Amino acid sequence: MLHLSVETPDDTQEVEYLYDLAFAPGRQALSSYRLRDGVPPVAKLCLVARGEEGALAGAIRYWPVCIGEAKALLLGPVAVHPTRQGEGVGGELIEASIMRAEALGWQRVLLVGDAPYYERFGFTRVEGVEMPPPTNPARVLGRALVTGAFDGVRGAVVQAG
């Protein structure tokens, strides 16, 4: 059984270690990290999953971004500890955080990832939304949290500010 909670400052070091383990220490060189530099995450949506024994099983974070004038959430990173992969931890983190985002009034979520994995959570390729290069446009996925949230939304994704 998993216990999901909002990430606290006490979790930060352990979560950073998990992200390094899952994505390698050079993960900050990825283009999506330019959208995160100097911008605090959306704290109410950053979750950790712990097993019954208290060990960190997974974590997810979100960042505010803009696509033109449209505000959006950038999902990621989401990571699951290698010993817990295949147990649905990532799915639980995604679904629980999406429900929280809807309740907080967010309208759209973006991510850069593998469509076959994220389609099961309602994400599809979004046309005309440009992540910082060298992002492959086929990996730019979105999920509308309200009907039509991506209608007419086009342009470069930039830091919210």
C-alpha atoms as a PDB file:
ATOM      1  CA  MET A   1       0.000   0.000   0.000  1.00  0.00           C
ATOM      2  CA  LEU A   2       1.224   3.480  -0.866  1.00  0.00           C
ATOM      3  CA  HIS A   3       0.911   6.682   1.088  1.00  0.00           C
ATOM      4  CA  LEU A   4       0.846   9.834  -1.073  1.00  0.00           C
ATOM      5  CA  SER A   5       1.629  13.212   0.438  1.00  0.00           C
ATOM      6  CA  VAL A   6       2.742  16.662  -0.630  1.00  0.00           C
ATOM      7  CA  GLU A   7       6.527  16.914  -0.875  1.00  0.00           C
ATOM      8  CA  THR A   8       8.059  18.810   2.036  1.00  0.00           C
ATOM      9  CA  PRO A   9      11.521  20.347   2.444  1.00  0.00           C
ATOM     10  CA  ASP A  10      12.450  17.257   4.461  1.00  0.00           C
ATOM     11  CA  ASP A  11      11.811  15.142   1.319  1.00  0.00           C
ATOM     12  CA  THR A  12      13.887  17.262  -1.080  1.00  0.00           C
ATOM     13  CA  GLN A  13      17.256  15.548  -0.773  1.00  0.00           C
ATOM     14  CA  GLU A  14      15.743  12.085  -1.088  1.00  0.00           C
ATOM     15  CA  VAL A  15      13.602  13.142  -4.065  1.00  0.00           C
ATOM     16  CA  GLU A  16      16.608  14.705  -5.821  1.00  0.00           C
ATOM     17  CA  TYR A  17      18.533  11.466  -5.299  1.00  0.00           C
ATOM     18  CA  LEU A  18      15.642   9.504  -6.815  1.00  0.00           C
ATOM     19  CA  TYR A  19      15.571  11.802  -9.858  1.00  0.00           C
ATOM     20  CA  ASP A  20      19.336  11.387 -10.300  1.00  0.00           C
ATOM     21  CA  LEU A  21      18.937   7.617  -9.988  1.00  0.00           C
ATOM     22  CA  ALA A  22      16.106   7.527 -12.519  1.00  0.00           C
ATOM     23  CA  PHE A  23      17.407  10.058 -15.044  1.00  0.00           C
ATOM     24  CA  ALA A  24      21.178  10.284 -14.391  1.00  0.00           C
ATOM     25  CA  PRO A  25      22.923  13.245 -12.789  1.00  0.00           C
ATOM     26  CA  GLY A  26      23.026  15.152 -16.112  1.00  0.00           C
ATOM     27  CA  ARG A  27      19.242  15.461 -16.167  1.00  0.00           C
ATOM     28  CA  GLN A  28      19.384  19.226 -15.563  1.00  0.00           C
ATOM     29  CA  ALA A  29      20.909  19.619 -19.029  1.00  0.00           C
ATOM     30  CA  LEU A  30      17.587  18.598 -20.616  1.00  0.00           C
ATOM     31  CA  SER A  31      15.793  21.429 -22.399  1.00  0.00           C
ATOM     32  CA  SER A  32      12.738  21.291 -20.124  1.00  0.00           C
ATOM     33  CA  TYR A  33      14.945  22.248 -17.179  1.00  0.00           C
ATOM     34  CA  ARG A  34      15.402  25.706 -18.734  1.00  0.00           C
ATOM     35  CA  LEU A  35      11.708  26.244 -17.986  1.00  0.00           C
ATOM     36  CA  ARG A  36      12.309  25.322 -14.333  1.00  0.00           C
ATOM     37  CA  ASP A  37      15.431  27.403 -13.668  1.00  0.00           C
ATOM     38  CA  GLY A  38      14.760  29.929 -10.931  1.00  0.00           C
ATOM     39  CA  VAL A  39      11.035  29.118 -10.823  1.00  0.00           C
ATOM     40  CA  PRO A  40       9.570  27.365  -7.785  1.00  0.00           C
ATOM     41  CA  PRO A  41       7.465  24.271  -8.486  1.00  0.00           C
ATOM     42  CA  VAL A  42       3.725  24.262  -7.837  1.00  0.00           C
ATOM     43  CA  ALA A  43       4.140  22.963  -4.296  1.00  0.00           C
ATOM     44  CA  LYS A  44       0.578  21.693  -3.809  1.00  0.00           C
ATOM     45  CA  LEU A  45       1.031  19.339  -6.779  1.00  0.00           C
ATOM     46  CA  CYS A  46       4.478  17.978  -5.944  1.00  0.00           C
ATOM     47  CA  LEU A  47       3.832  14.598  -4.388  1.00  0.00           C
ATOM     48  CA  VAL A  48       5.839  11.772  -2.912  1.00  0.00           C
ATOM     49  CA  ALA A  49       4.767   8.158  -2.632  1.00  0.00           C
ATOM     50  CA  ARG A  50       6.044   6.078   0.254  1.00  0.00           C
ATOM     51  CA  GLY A  51       5.562   2.416   0.997  1.00  0.00           C
ATOM     52  CA  GLU A  52       4.309   1.085   4.308  1.00  0.00           C
ATOM     53  CA  GLU A  53       7.885   0.956   5.582  1.00  0.00           C
ATOM     54  CA  GLY A  54       8.339   4.674   4.790  1.00  0.00           C
ATOM     55  CA  ALA A  55      10.815   4.263   1.938  1.00  0.00           C
ATOM     56  CA  LEU A  56      10.425   6.623  -1.009  1.00  0.00           C
ATOM     57  CA  ALA A  57       8.733   4.769  -3.865  1.00  0.00           C
ATOM     58  CA  GLY A  58       8.217   7.672  -6.268  1.00  0.00           C
ATOM     59  CA  ALA A  59       7.859  11.399  -6.740  1.00  0.00           C
ATOM     60  CA  ILE A  60       6.265  13.879  -9.129  1.00  0.00           C
ATOM     61  CA  ARG A  61       6.667  17.614  -9.608  1.00  0.00           C
ATOM     62  CA  TYR A  62       4.906  20.322 -11.608  1.00  0.00           C
ATOM     63  CA  TRP A  63       6.046  23.744 -12.801  1.00  0.00           C
ATOM     64  CA  PRO A  64       4.067  26.742 -14.031  1.00  0.00           C
ATOM     65  CA  VAL A  65       4.641  27.670 -17.679  1.00  0.00           C
ATOM     66  CA  CYS A  66       2.940  29.744 -20.361  1.00  0.00           C
ATOM     67  CA  ILE A  67       2.114  28.935 -23.952  1.00  0.00           C
ATOM     68  CA  GLY A  68       1.644  32.406 -25.333  1.00  0.00           C
ATOM     69  CA  GLU A  69      -0.871  33.929 -22.920  1.00  0.00           C
ATOM     70  CA  ALA A  70      -2.221  30.552 -21.770  1.00  0.00           C
ATOM     71  CA  LYS A  71      -1.067  29.283 -18.389  1.00  0.00           C
ATOM     72  CA  ALA A  72      -0.233  25.597 -18.119  1.00  0.00           C
ATOM     73  CA  LEU A  73       1.431  23.065 -15.869  1.00  0.00           C
ATOM     74  CA  LEU A  74       4.598  21.300 -16.937  1.00  0.00           C
ATOM     75  CA  LEU A  75       4.517  17.791 -15.491  1.00  0.00           C
ATOM     76  CA  GLY A  76       7.864  16.385 -14.604  1.00  0.00           C
ATOM     77  CA  PRO A  77       9.880  14.891 -13.556  1.00  0.00           C
ATOM     78  CA  VAL A  78       8.002  11.850 -12.385  1.00  0.00           C
ATOM     79  CA  ALA A  79      10.131   8.963 -11.182  1.00  0.00           C
ATOM     80  CA  VAL A  80       9.680   5.604  -9.523  1.00  0.00           C
ATOM     81  CA  HIS A  81      12.380   3.878  -7.521  1.00  0.00           C
ATOM     82  CA  PRO A  82      13.783   0.916  -9.496  1.00  0.00           C
ATOM     83  CA  THR A  83      12.682  -1.525  -6.784  1.00  0.00           C
ATOM     84  CA  ARG A  84       9.063  -0.345  -7.156  1.00  0.00           C
ATOM     85  CA  GLN A  85       8.741  -0.168 -10.940  1.00  0.00           C
ATOM     86  CA  GLY A  86       5.879  -2.088 -12.485  1.00  0.00           C
ATOM     87  CA  GLU A  87       3.678  -1.645  -9.390  1.00  0.00           C
ATOM     88  CA  GLY A  88       1.629   1.316 -10.651  1.00  0.00           C
ATOM     89  CA  VAL A  89       3.383   3.912  -8.489  1.00  0.00           C
ATOM     90  CA  GLY A  90       3.870   6.342 -11.384  1.00  0.00           C
ATOM     91  CA  GLY A  91       0.246   5.998 -12.406  1.00  0.00           C
ATOM     92  CA  GLU A  92      -0.979   6.711  -8.894  1.00  0.00           C
ATOM     93  CA  LEU A  93       1.196   9.814  -8.685  1.00  0.00           C
ATOM     94  CA  ILE A  94      -0.004  11.075 -12.070  1.00  0.00           C
ATOM     95  CA  GLU A  95      -3.708  10.480 -11.404  1.00  0.00           C
ATOM     96  CA  ALA A  96      -3.649  11.899  -7.876  1.00  0.00           C
ATOM     97  CA  SER A  97      -1.760  15.008  -8.941  1.00  0.00           C
ATOM     98  CA  ILE A  98      -4.014  15.576 -11.967  1.00  0.00           C
ATOM     99  CA  MET A  99      -7.070  15.425  -9.696  1.00  0.00           C
ATOM    100  CA  ARG A 100      -5.440  18.020  -7.429  1.00  0.00           C
ATOM    101  CA  ALA A 101      -4.604  20.230 -10.428  1.00  0.00           C
ATOM    102  CA  GLU A 102      -8.235  20.117 -11.575  1.00  0.00           C
ATOM    103  CA  ALA A 103      -9.434  20.999  -8.080  1.00  0.00           C
ATOM    104  CA  LEU A 104      -7.038  23.968  -8.007  1.00  0.00           C
ATOM    105  CA  GLY A 105      -8.473  25.282 -11.286  1.00  0.00           C
ATOM    106  CA  TRP A 106      -5.645  24.477 -13.685  1.00  0.00           C
ATOM    107  CA  GLN A 107      -6.863  23.973 -17.253  1.00  0.00           C
ATOM    108  CA  ARG A 108      -4.028  22.238 -19.078  1.00  0.00           C
ATOM    109  CA  VAL A 109      -0.976  20.054 -18.461  1.00  0.00           C
ATOM    110  CA  LEU A 110       2.061  19.591 -20.714  1.00  0.00           C
ATOM    111  CA  LEU A 111       4.892  17.104 -20.608  1.00  0.00           C
ATOM    112  CA  VAL A 112       7.687  15.738 -22.723  1.00  0.00           C
ATOM    113  CA  GLY A 113       7.489  11.964 -22.792  1.00  0.00           C
ATOM    114  CA  ASP A 114       6.583   8.707 -24.457  1.00  0.00           C
ATOM    115  CA  ALA A 115       3.074   8.772 -25.890  1.00  0.00           C
ATOM    116  CA  PRO A 116       2.437   5.021 -25.426  1.00  0.00           C
ATOM    117  CA  TYR A 117       2.930   5.395 -21.657  1.00  0.00           C
ATOM    118  CA  TYR A 118       1.150   8.714 -21.106  1.00  0.00           C
ATOM    119  CA  GLU A 119      -1.846   8.078 -23.399  1.00  0.00           C
ATOM    120  CA  ARG A 120      -3.388   5.888 -20.691  1.00  0.00           C
ATOM    121  CA  PHE A 121      -3.594   9.036 -18.536  1.00  0.00           C
ATOM    122  CA  GLY A 122      -5.343  11.094 -21.209  1.00  0.00           C
ATOM    123  CA  PHE A 123      -2.284  12.745 -22.754  1.00  0.00           C
ATOM    124  CA  THR A 124      -2.071  13.223 -26.513  1.00  0.00           C
ATOM    125  CA  ARG A 125       0.297  14.992 -28.850  1.00  0.00           C
ATOM    126  CA  VAL A 126      -0.320  18.739 -28.996  1.00  0.00           C
ATOM    127  CA  GLU A 127       0.254  20.534 -32.269  1.00  0.00           C
ATOM    128  CA  GLY A 128       1.751  23.989 -32.420  1.00  0.00           C
ATOM    129  CA  VAL A 129       3.153  23.936 -28.888  1.00  0.00           C
ATOM    130  CA  GLU A 130       6.918  24.398 -28.994  1.00  0.00           C
ATOM    131  CA  MET A 131       9.128  23.269 -26.124  1.00  0.00           C
ATOM    132  CA  PRO A 132      12.690  24.639 -25.994  1.00  0.00           C
ATOM    133  CA  PRO A 133      14.970  22.917 -28.508  1.00  0.00           C
ATOM    134  CA  PRO A 134      16.133  20.291 -29.069  1.00  0.00           C
ATOM    135  CA  THR A 135      12.833  18.722 -27.949  1.00  0.00           C
ATOM    136  CA  ASN A 136      11.286  16.276 -30.413  1.00  0.00           C
ATOM    137  CA  PRO A 137       7.799  17.698 -31.227  1.00  0.00           C
ATOM    138  CA  ALA A 138       6.347  14.165 -31.279  1.00  0.00           C
ATOM    139  CA  ARG A 139       7.132  13.898 -27.543  1.00  0.00           C
ATOM    140  CA  VAL A 140       5.261  17.090 -26.575  1.00  0.00           C
ATOM    141  CA  LEU A 141       2.046  15.825 -25.002  1.00  0.00           C
ATOM    142  CA  GLY A 142      -0.834  17.569 -23.319  1.00  0.00           C
ATOM    143  CA  ARG A 143      -3.967  16.872 -21.355  1.00  0.00           C
ATOM    144  CA  ALA A 144      -6.878  19.282 -21.213  1.00  0.00           C
ATOM    145  CA  LEU A 145      -8.336  19.409 -17.716  1.00  0.00           C
ATOM    146  CA  VAL A 146     -11.355  21.306 -19.030  1.00  0.00           C
ATOM    147  CA  THR A 147     -12.968  20.810 -22.413  1.00  0.00           C
ATOM    148  CA  GLY A 148     -11.243  22.810 -25.125  1.00  0.00           C
ATOM    149  CA  ALA A 149      -8.330  23.930 -22.946  1.00  0.00           C
ATOM    150  CA  PHE A 150      -5.876  23.559 -25.830  1.00  0.00           C
ATOM    151  CA  ASP A 151      -8.150  25.048 -28.508  1.00  0.00           C
ATOM    152  CA  GLY A 152      -6.224  27.858 -30.186  1.00  0.00           C
ATOM    153  CA  VAL A 153      -3.284  27.508 -27.797  1.00  0.00           C
ATOM    154  CA  ARG A 154      -0.121  27.765 -29.879  1.00  0.00           C
ATOM    155  CA  GLY A 155       3.421  29.014 -29.546  1.00  0.00           C
ATOM    156  CA  ALA A 156       6.567  28.660 -27.530  1.00  0.00           C
ATOM    157  CA  VAL A 157       6.451  27.341 -23.993  1.00  0.00           C
ATOM    158  CA  VAL A 158       8.133  29.847 -21.656  1.00  0.00           C
ATOM    159  CA  GLN A 159       8.616  30.279 -17.939  1.00  0.00           C
ATOM    160  CA  ALA A 160       5.554  31.608 -16.140  1.00  0.00           C
ATOM    161  CA  GLY A 161       6.172  35.029 -14.784  1.00  0.00           C
END
